[in-house]
């Protein structure tokens, strides 16, 4: 009969290898908590844009990466551009806002 220790170590080794494989397979560039924070920041900003009657939330794209918010799109006035940036800056968790929103009609 085989050594009893080998028989006990084999299942433990399989569990460790499986856990390591799952951990590596589920790995992303960002920790899950940071991804959730970025997603919730984006959602809060989009909700703030939608709640403002002076802004068209469909004309401004919002992305968040490591709590840095980027606004892109086109609005009719400089006031609307500034208001969108203010909404983003005043959102909890935002570290910085990059405002790439353009003013006026596309040419």
Protein backbone atom coordinates (compact mmCIF):
# COMPACT_ATOMS: atom_id res chain seq x y z
CA UNK A 1 0.00 0.00 0.00
CA UNK A 2 1.14 3.59 -0.66
CA UNK A 3 2.46 5.83 2.04
CA UNK A 4 -0.56 7.30 3.98
CA UNK A 5 1.02 10.76 3.98
CA UNK A 6 1.08 10.85 0.19
CA UNK A 7 -2.59 9.93 0.13
CA UNK A 8 -3.43 12.83 2.48
CA UNK A 9 -1.24 15.37 0.67
CA UNK A 10 -2.65 14.68 -2.78
CA UNK A 11 -6.14 16.15 -2.13
CA UNK A 12 -4.63 19.13 -0.31
CA UNK A 13 -2.27 19.78 -3.20
CA UNK A 14 -5.18 19.59 -5.67
CA UNK A 15 -7.15 22.14 -3.65
CA UNK A 16 -4.20 24.54 -3.50
CA UNK A 17 -3.56 24.23 -7.25
CA UNK A 18 -7.26 24.74 -8.06
CA UNK A 19 -7.50 27.80 -5.78
CA UNK A 20 -4.37 29.30 -7.32
CA UNK A 21 -5.72 28.70 -10.81
CA UNK A 22 -9.03 30.39 -9.99
CA UNK A 23 -7.29 33.35 -8.40
CA UNK A 24 -5.13 33.90 -11.46
CA UNK A 25 -8.02 33.40 -13.89
CA UNK A 26 -10.19 35.98 -12.12
CA UNK A 27 -7.44 38.56 -11.95
CA UNK A 28 -7.99 41.91 -13.70
CA UNK A 29 -5.92 45.03 -14.07
CA UNK A 30 -7.79 46.67 -11.19
CA UNK A 31 -8.89 45.38 -7.79
CA UNK A 32 -12.61 44.59 -7.55
CA UNK A 33 -13.18 47.34 -4.98
CA UNK A 34 -11.64 49.95 -7.30
CA UNK A 35 -13.74 48.71 -10.24
CA UNK A 36 -16.89 49.01 -8.13
CA UNK A 37 -15.90 52.50 -7.02
CA UNK A 38 -15.26 53.61 -10.61
CA UNK A 39 -18.57 52.15 -11.76
CA UNK A 40 -20.51 53.79 -8.95
CA UNK A 41 -18.82 57.14 -9.58
CA UNK A 42 -19.78 56.95 -13.27
CA UNK A 43 -23.36 56.02 -12.38
CA UNK A 44 -23.69 58.89 -9.88
CA UNK A 45 -22.38 61.42 -12.40
CA UNK A 46 -24.70 60.16 -15.14
CA UNK A 47 -27.61 60.41 -12.72
CA UNK A 48 -26.59 63.96 -11.84
CA UNK A 49 -26.41 64.92 -15.51
CA UNK A 50 -29.84 63.36 -16.14
CA UNK A 51 -31.35 65.21 -13.18
CA UNK A 52 -30.28 68.60 -14.53
CA UNK A 53 -32.86 70.05 -16.92
CA UNK A 54 -30.22 72.21 -18.67
CA UNK A 55 -28.16 69.19 -19.75
CA UNK A 56 -28.79 66.38 -22.20
CA UNK A 57 -27.19 63.35 -20.53
CA UNK A 58 -27.03 61.56 -23.88
CA UNK A 59 -24.66 64.18 -25.29
CA UNK A 60 -21.97 63.64 -22.63
CA UNK A 61 -20.02 60.39 -22.21
CA UNK A 62 -18.67 59.68 -18.74
CA UNK A 63 -15.82 57.27 -18.03
CA UNK A 64 -13.99 56.72 -14.76
CA UNK A 65 -10.61 55.08 -14.29
CA UNK A 66 -8.92 55.01 -10.88
CA UNK A 67 -11.34 57.75 -9.71
CA UNK A 68 -10.30 60.07 -12.58
CA UNK A 69 -13.42 61.07 -14.52
CA UNK A 70 -13.30 61.92 -18.22
CA UNK A 71 -16.18 63.81 -19.81
CA UNK A 72 -16.53 63.76 -23.61
CA UNK A 73 -19.17 64.92 -26.01
CA UNK A 74 -20.72 68.14 -27.21
CA UNK A 75 -23.02 70.70 -25.57
CA UNK A 76 -24.62 73.91 -26.83
CA UNK A 77 -23.16 76.40 -24.34
CA UNK A 78 -20.09 76.99 -22.20
CA UNK A 79 -22.40 77.13 -19.17
CA UNK A 80 -23.58 73.56 -19.90
CA UNK A 81 -19.95 72.42 -20.24
CA UNK A 82 -19.04 74.00 -16.90
CA UNK A 83 -22.16 72.61 -15.21
CA UNK A 84 -21.30 69.06 -16.33
CA UNK A 85 -17.79 69.45 -14.95
CA UNK A 86 -19.14 70.83 -11.66
CA UNK A 87 -21.50 67.86 -11.29
CA UNK A 88 -18.58 65.49 -11.84
CA UNK A 89 -16.24 67.34 -9.45
CA UNK A 90 -18.83 67.42 -6.67
CA UNK A 91 -19.44 63.67 -6.85
CA UNK A 92 -18.06 61.72 -3.90
CA UNK A 93 -14.94 59.71 -4.68
CA UNK A 94 -13.79 61.75 -7.68
CA UNK A 95 -10.09 62.52 -7.58
CA UNK A 96 -9.86 64.55 -10.80
CA UNK A 97 -12.00 65.55 -13.79
CA UNK A 98 -10.76 65.74 -17.37
CA UNK A 99 -13.29 67.80 -19.30
CA UNK A 100 -13.04 67.14 -23.06
CA UNK A 101 -16.58 68.34 -23.77
CA UNK A 102 -16.78 70.62 -26.80
CA UNK A 103 -19.13 73.59 -27.15
CA UNK A 104 -21.23 74.31 -30.23
CA UNK A 105 -22.46 72.43 -33.26
CA UNK A 106 -20.15 69.91 -34.95
CA UNK A 107 -18.44 71.33 -38.00
